[in-house]
Amino acid sequence: MATSSTSLLSSLVPATTPPFNSRNNQLFFFHNRSLNRSKKRVSFVVQAAKPPAGVEIPKVQPQFKPPFLGFTKTAEVWNSRACMIGIIGVFVVEFIINKGILQVIGVDVGKGLNLPL
């Protein structure tokens, strides 16, 4: 299976790259012999310019702290919010039907240890 995918991939990728004219940034798919003769390499250095007025450079580079066992601060905040909404929903249901949530699902509660004192 791997050999068929490699042969398919190699048939789609051309063996040679098309020539590139650096003078006017054009890509040629047809070989022009006069352009291929001049292969003069030009080296240059890129220097950064000053930022425009009003742009502030950050004082400290932001750093990524990896989460501890998958627990991130954002996930924990959203989890606690969902928990608060859920517990308030349980309280509202208990108030409306005047039963505890365990009594609603059929668990008998309220007898304690049933020890005579």
N, C-alpha and C. Protein backbone atom coordinates (compact mmCIF):
# COMPACT_ATOMS: atom_id res chain seq x y z
N MET A 1 0.83 -1.20 0.00
CA MET A 1 0.00 0.00 0.00
C MET A 1 0.87 1.25 0.00
N ALA A 2 1.98 1.20 0.75
CA ALA A 2 2.84 2.36 0.84
C ALA A 2 3.55 2.63 -0.48
N THR A 3 3.85 1.56 -1.23
CA THR A 3 4.55 1.77 -2.49
C THR A 3 3.65 2.44 -3.51
N SER A 4 2.36 2.13 -3.50
CA SER A 4 1.47 2.76 -4.47
C SER A 4 1.28 4.24 -4.15
N SER A 5 1.23 4.58 -2.84
CA SER A 5 1.07 5.99 -2.50
C SER A 5 2.33 6.78 -2.81
N THR A 6 3.52 6.13 -2.67
CA THR A 6 4.75 6.85 -2.99
C THR A 6 4.87 7.04 -4.48
N SER A 7 4.47 6.05 -5.26
CA SER A 7 4.56 6.21 -6.70
C SER A 7 3.56 7.26 -7.18
N LEU A 8 2.41 7.33 -6.55
CA LEU A 8 1.42 8.34 -6.91
C LEU A 8 1.93 9.73 -6.55
N LEU A 9 2.56 9.83 -5.38
CA LEU A 9 3.09 11.12 -4.96
C LEU A 9 4.23 11.56 -5.86
N SER A 10 5.10 10.61 -6.24
CA SER A 10 6.23 10.99 -7.08
C SER A 10 5.77 11.34 -8.49
N SER A 11 4.65 10.80 -8.94
CA SER A 11 4.17 11.15 -10.26
C SER A 11 3.53 12.54 -10.28
N LEU A 12 3.06 13.01 -9.14
CA LEU A 12 2.44 14.33 -9.09
C LEU A 12 3.47 15.44 -8.92
N VAL A 13 4.59 15.14 -8.28
CA VAL A 13 5.61 16.15 -8.02
C VAL A 13 6.58 16.15 -9.19
N PRO A 14 6.84 17.32 -9.80
CA PRO A 14 7.77 17.35 -10.93
C PRO A 14 9.19 17.06 -10.46
N ALA A 15 9.98 16.45 -11.35
CA ALA A 15 11.36 16.08 -11.01
C ALA A 15 12.24 17.31 -10.87
N THR A 16 11.99 18.33 -11.68
CA THR A 16 12.79 19.56 -11.61
C THR A 16 11.86 20.71 -11.32
N THR A 17 12.40 21.71 -10.67
CA THR A 17 11.60 22.90 -10.39
C THR A 17 11.62 23.82 -11.58
N PRO A 18 10.53 24.51 -11.86
CA PRO A 18 10.51 25.43 -12.99
C PRO A 18 11.44 26.61 -12.72
N PRO A 19 12.04 27.19 -13.77
CA PRO A 19 12.96 28.31 -13.57
C PRO A 19 12.24 29.54 -13.03
N PHE A 20 12.98 30.36 -12.31
CA PHE A 20 12.43 31.55 -11.66
C PHE A 20 13.29 32.74 -12.05
N ASN A 21 12.68 33.78 -12.60
CA ASN A 21 13.39 34.99 -12.98
C ASN A 21 13.36 35.94 -11.80
N SER A 22 14.52 36.22 -11.22
CA SER A 22 14.57 37.06 -10.02
C SER A 22 14.49 38.55 -10.35
N ARG A 23 14.65 38.93 -11.60
CA ARG A 23 14.60 40.36 -11.94
C ARG A 23 13.20 40.92 -11.79
N ASN A 24 12.22 40.22 -12.30
CA ASN A 24 10.85 40.72 -12.20
C ASN A 24 9.93 39.73 -11.49
N ASN A 25 10.50 38.79 -10.73
CA ASN A 25 9.76 37.84 -9.90
C ASN A 25 8.70 37.07 -10.70
N GLN A 26 9.12 36.48 -11.81
CA GLN A 26 8.20 35.70 -12.63
C GLN A 26 8.66 34.26 -12.66
N LEU A 27 7.71 33.37 -12.69
CA LEU A 27 7.98 31.94 -12.74
C LEU A 27 7.73 31.47 -14.16
N PHE A 28 8.75 30.84 -14.78
CA PHE A 28 8.63 30.38 -16.15
C PHE A 28 8.45 28.87 -16.18
N PHE A 29 7.44 28.41 -16.90
CA PHE A 29 7.23 26.99 -17.07
C PHE A 29 7.84 26.50 -18.38
N PHE A 30 8.14 27.42 -19.28
CA PHE A 30 8.82 27.07 -20.52
C PHE A 30 10.26 27.50 -20.38
N HIS A 31 11.19 26.60 -20.74
CA HIS A 31 12.61 26.89 -20.57
C HIS A 31 13.07 27.90 -21.62
N ASN A 32 13.67 28.97 -21.15
CA ASN A 32 14.23 29.98 -22.03
C ASN A 32 15.75 29.90 -21.86
N ARG A 33 16.46 29.53 -22.90
CA ARG A 33 17.89 29.29 -22.80
C ARG A 33 18.68 30.56 -22.50
N SER A 34 18.26 31.71 -22.97
CA SER A 34 19.03 32.94 -22.73
C SER A 34 18.97 33.36 -21.27
N LEU A 35 17.86 33.10 -20.58
CA LEU A 35 17.76 33.46 -19.17
C LEU A 35 18.51 32.49 -18.28
N ASN A 36 18.63 31.23 -18.71
CA ASN A 36 19.30 30.23 -17.90
C ASN A 36 20.81 30.39 -17.90
N ARG A 37 21.38 31.12 -18.85
CA ARG A 37 22.83 31.27 -18.94
C ARG A 37 23.38 32.19 -17.87
N SER A 38 22.64 33.21 -17.49
CA SER A 38 23.14 34.16 -16.49
C SER A 38 22.70 33.69 -15.11
N LYS A 39 23.61 33.05 -14.40
CA LYS A 39 23.31 32.56 -13.06
C LYS A 39 24.18 33.30 -12.06
N LYS A 40 23.92 34.55 -11.90
CA LYS A 40 24.69 35.38 -10.99
C LYS A 40 23.95 35.44 -9.66
N ARG A 41 24.62 35.06 -8.59
CA ARG A 41 23.99 35.07 -7.27
C ARG A 41 24.20 36.42 -6.62
N VAL A 42 23.13 36.93 -6.04
CA VAL A 42 23.17 38.21 -5.36
C VAL A 42 22.88 37.96 -3.89
N SER A 43 23.76 38.46 -3.03
CA SER A 43 23.51 38.33 -1.60
C SER A 43 23.21 39.70 -1.03
N PHE A 44 22.31 39.74 -0.08
CA PHE A 44 21.93 41.00 0.55
C PHE A 44 21.57 40.76 1.99
N VAL A 45 21.55 41.83 2.78
CA VAL A 45 21.22 41.75 4.19
C VAL A 45 19.95 42.54 4.43
N VAL A 46 19.02 41.94 5.17
CA VAL A 46 17.76 42.61 5.50
C VAL A 46 17.89 43.19 6.90
N GLN A 47 17.61 44.48 7.02
CA GLN A 47 17.65 45.13 8.33
C GLN A 47 16.25 45.61 8.67
N ALA A 48 15.90 45.48 9.94
CA ALA A 48 14.56 45.89 10.38
C ALA A 48 14.49 47.41 10.46
N ALA A 49 13.34 47.93 10.10
CA ALA A 49 13.12 49.37 10.18
C ALA A 49 12.46 49.71 11.51
N LYS A 50 12.38 50.99 11.81
CA LYS A 50 11.71 51.42 13.03
C LYS A 50 10.21 51.20 12.88
N PRO A 51 9.54 50.83 13.96
CA PRO A 51 8.09 50.67 13.86
C PRO A 51 7.41 52.03 13.66
N PRO A 52 6.23 52.05 13.07
CA PRO A 52 5.53 53.31 12.87
C PRO A 52 5.17 53.97 14.20
N ALA A 53 4.86 55.24 14.13
CA ALA A 53 4.51 55.98 15.34
C ALA A 53 3.24 55.41 15.95
N GLY A 54 3.22 55.27 17.26
CA GLY A 54 2.06 54.75 17.97
C GLY A 54 2.11 53.26 18.23
N VAL A 55 3.07 52.57 17.67
CA VAL A 55 3.19 51.13 17.88
C VAL A 55 4.14 50.90 19.05
N GLU A 56 3.65 50.18 20.06
CA GLU A 56 4.47 49.90 21.22
C GLU A 56 5.06 48.50 21.11
N ILE A 57 6.33 48.39 21.42
CA ILE A 57 7.01 47.11 21.41
C ILE A 57 6.78 46.46 22.77
N PRO A 58 6.43 45.19 22.83
CA PRO A 58 6.21 44.54 24.12
C PRO A 58 7.49 44.55 24.96
N LYS A 59 7.32 44.81 26.26
CA LYS A 59 8.48 44.88 27.14
C LYS A 59 9.04 43.49 27.42
N VAL A 60 8.15 42.52 27.59
CA VAL A 60 8.58 41.16 27.87
C VAL A 60 7.92 40.24 26.86
N GLN A 61 8.70 39.32 26.33
CA GLN A 61 8.16 38.37 25.37
C GLN A 61 7.22 37.41 26.09
N PRO A 62 6.01 37.17 25.58
CA PRO A 62 5.09 36.24 26.24
C PRO A 62 5.69 34.83 26.29
N GLN A 63 5.49 34.16 27.41
CA GLN A 63 6.03 32.82 27.58
C GLN A 63 4.88 31.84 27.77
N PHE A 64 5.02 30.69 27.16
CA PHE A 64 4.00 29.65 27.25
C PHE A 64 4.36 28.71 28.38
N LYS A 65 3.43 28.53 29.30
CA LYS A 65 3.62 27.56 30.38
C LYS A 65 2.82 26.32 30.03
N PRO A 66 3.47 25.18 29.94
CA PRO A 66 2.72 23.96 29.60
C PRO A 66 1.76 23.59 30.72
N PRO A 67 0.57 23.09 30.38
CA PRO A 67 -0.40 22.73 31.42
C PRO A 67 0.07 21.53 32.23
N PHE A 68 -0.26 21.53 33.51
CA PHE A 68 0.09 20.43 34.39
C PHE A 68 -0.96 19.34 34.26
N LEU A 69 -0.59 18.23 33.68
CA LEU A 69 -1.48 17.08 33.45
C LEU A 69 -2.75 17.48 32.70
N GLY A 70 -2.67 18.45 31.83
CA GLY A 70 -3.81 18.87 31.03
C GLY A 70 -4.71 19.89 31.69
N PHE A 71 -4.40 20.32 32.91
CA PHE A 71 -5.23 21.31 33.60
C PHE A 71 -4.74 22.70 33.25
N THR A 72 -5.56 23.45 32.53
CA THR A 72 -5.22 24.83 32.23
C THR A 72 -6.13 25.74 33.03
N LYS A 73 -5.70 26.97 33.19
CA LYS A 73 -6.48 27.91 34.00
C LYS A 73 -7.83 28.19 33.36
N THR A 74 -7.85 28.38 32.05
CA THR A 74 -9.10 28.68 31.36
C THR A 74 -10.08 27.52 31.47
N ALA A 75 -9.60 26.30 31.30
CA ALA A 75 -10.48 25.13 31.40
C ALA A 75 -11.04 24.98 32.80
N GLU A 76 -10.22 25.25 33.81
CA GLU A 76 -10.70 25.12 35.18
C GLU A 76 -11.72 26.20 35.53
N VAL A 77 -11.54 27.41 34.99
CA VAL A 77 -12.51 28.48 35.23
C VAL A 77 -13.86 28.10 34.63
N TRP A 78 -13.86 27.60 33.38
CA TRP A 78 -15.12 27.22 32.74
C TRP A 78 -15.75 26.01 33.43
N ASN A 79 -14.93 25.09 33.92
CA ASN A 79 -15.45 23.93 34.63
C ASN A 79 -16.13 24.36 35.93
N SER A 80 -15.53 25.29 36.66
CA SER A 80 -16.13 25.74 37.92
C SER A 80 -17.42 26.52 37.65
N ARG A 81 -17.47 27.27 36.56
CA ARG A 81 -18.71 27.99 36.23
C ARG A 81 -19.83 27.02 35.90
N ALA A 82 -19.52 25.99 35.14
CA ALA A 82 -20.54 24.98 34.82
C ALA A 82 -21.01 24.26 36.07
N CYS A 83 -20.09 24.00 37.00
CA CYS A 83 -20.46 23.34 38.25
C CYS A 83 -21.39 24.22 39.08
N MET A 84 -21.10 25.52 39.13
CA MET A 84 -21.96 26.43 39.90
C MET A 84 -23.36 26.50 39.29
N ILE A 85 -23.44 26.54 37.97
CA ILE A 85 -24.74 26.57 37.31
C ILE A 85 -25.49 25.27 37.60
N GLY A 86 -24.80 24.14 37.59
CA GLY A 86 -25.44 22.86 37.86
C GLY A 86 -25.95 22.74 39.28
N ILE A 87 -25.17 23.17 40.27
CA ILE A 87 -25.61 23.04 41.66
C ILE A 87 -26.78 23.98 41.95
N ILE A 88 -26.79 25.15 41.33
CA ILE A 88 -27.93 26.06 41.50
C ILE A 88 -29.17 25.46 40.84
N GLY A 89 -28.98 24.79 39.70
CA GLY A 89 -30.10 24.11 39.05
C GLY A 89 -30.68 23.00 39.92
N VAL A 90 -29.82 22.26 40.62
CA VAL A 90 -30.30 21.21 41.53
C VAL A 90 -31.09 21.84 42.67
N PHE A 91 -30.59 22.93 43.24
CA PHE A 91 -31.32 23.61 44.32
C PHE A 91 -32.69 24.10 43.86
N VAL A 92 -32.77 24.63 42.65
CA VAL A 92 -34.05 25.12 42.12
C VAL A 92 -35.02 23.96 41.95
N VAL A 93 -34.55 22.83 41.42
CA VAL A 93 -35.42 21.66 41.23
C VAL A 93 -35.90 21.14 42.58
N GLU A 94 -35.01 21.06 43.57
CA GLU A 94 -35.41 20.60 44.90
C GLU A 94 -36.44 21.54 45.53
N PHE A 95 -36.29 22.83 45.31
CA PHE A 95 -37.23 23.81 45.88
C PHE A 95 -38.60 23.70 45.22
N ILE A 96 -38.62 23.50 43.90
CA ILE A 96 -39.89 23.45 43.17
C ILE A 96 -40.68 22.19 43.51
N ILE A 97 -40.04 21.02 43.53
CA ILE A 97 -40.79 19.78 43.77
C ILE A 97 -40.81 19.39 45.25
N ASN A 98 -40.16 20.13 46.09
CA ASN A 98 -40.16 19.94 47.55
C ASN A 98 -39.68 18.54 47.95
N LYS A 99 -38.72 18.03 47.22
CA LYS A 99 -38.07 16.76 47.54
C LYS A 99 -36.58 16.93 47.28
N GLY A 100 -35.80 16.12 47.98
CA GLY A 100 -34.37 16.11 47.70
C GLY A 100 -34.09 15.39 46.39
N ILE A 101 -32.93 15.66 45.82
CA ILE A 101 -32.61 15.06 44.53
C ILE A 101 -32.44 13.55 44.65
N LEU A 102 -31.99 13.06 45.82
CA LEU A 102 -31.87 11.61 46.02
C LEU A 102 -33.24 10.96 46.14
N GLN A 103 -34.20 11.66 46.74
CA GLN A 103 -35.56 11.11 46.83
C GLN A 103 -36.22 11.07 45.46
N VAL A 104 -35.86 11.99 44.59
CA VAL A 104 -36.43 12.01 43.25
C VAL A 104 -35.98 10.79 42.47
N ILE A 105 -34.73 10.37 42.64
CA ILE A 105 -34.25 9.22 41.89
C ILE A 105 -34.54 7.90 42.59
N GLY A 106 -35.17 7.95 43.78
CA GLY A 106 -35.62 6.73 44.43
C GLY A 106 -34.78 6.23 45.58
N VAL A 107 -33.82 7.01 46.05
CA VAL A 107 -33.01 6.59 47.19
C VAL A 107 -33.70 7.07 48.45
N ASP A 108 -33.94 6.15 49.38
CA ASP A 108 -34.64 6.49 50.63
C ASP A 108 -33.64 7.11 51.60
N VAL A 109 -33.91 8.32 52.01
CA VAL A 109 -33.00 9.04 52.92
C VAL A 109 -33.79 9.54 54.11
N GLY A 110 -33.09 9.93 55.15
CA GLY A 110 -33.73 10.57 56.30
C GLY A 110 -33.88 9.69 57.50
N LYS A 111 -33.50 8.40 57.43
CA LYS A 111 -33.63 7.52 58.58
C LYS A 111 -32.37 7.54 59.44
N GLY A 112 -31.27 8.03 58.91
CA GLY A 112 -30.05 8.04 59.69
C GLY A 112 -29.52 6.63 59.89
N LEU A 113 -28.96 6.36 61.08
CA LEU A 113 -28.42 5.03 61.37
C LEU A 113 -29.48 4.09 61.95
N ASN A 114 -30.66 4.63 62.28
CA ASN A 114 -31.76 3.83 62.83
C ASN A 114 -31.35 3.11 64.12
N LEU A 115 -30.67 3.84 64.99
CA LEU A 115 -30.25 3.30 66.29
C LEU A 115 -31.15 3.87 67.38
N PRO A 116 -31.69 3.02 68.24
CA PRO A 116 -32.49 3.55 69.36
C PRO A 116 -31.57 4.16 70.42
N LEU A 117 -31.88 5.35 70.82
CA LEU A 117 -31.06 6.01 71.85
C LEU A 117 -31.82 6.15 73.13
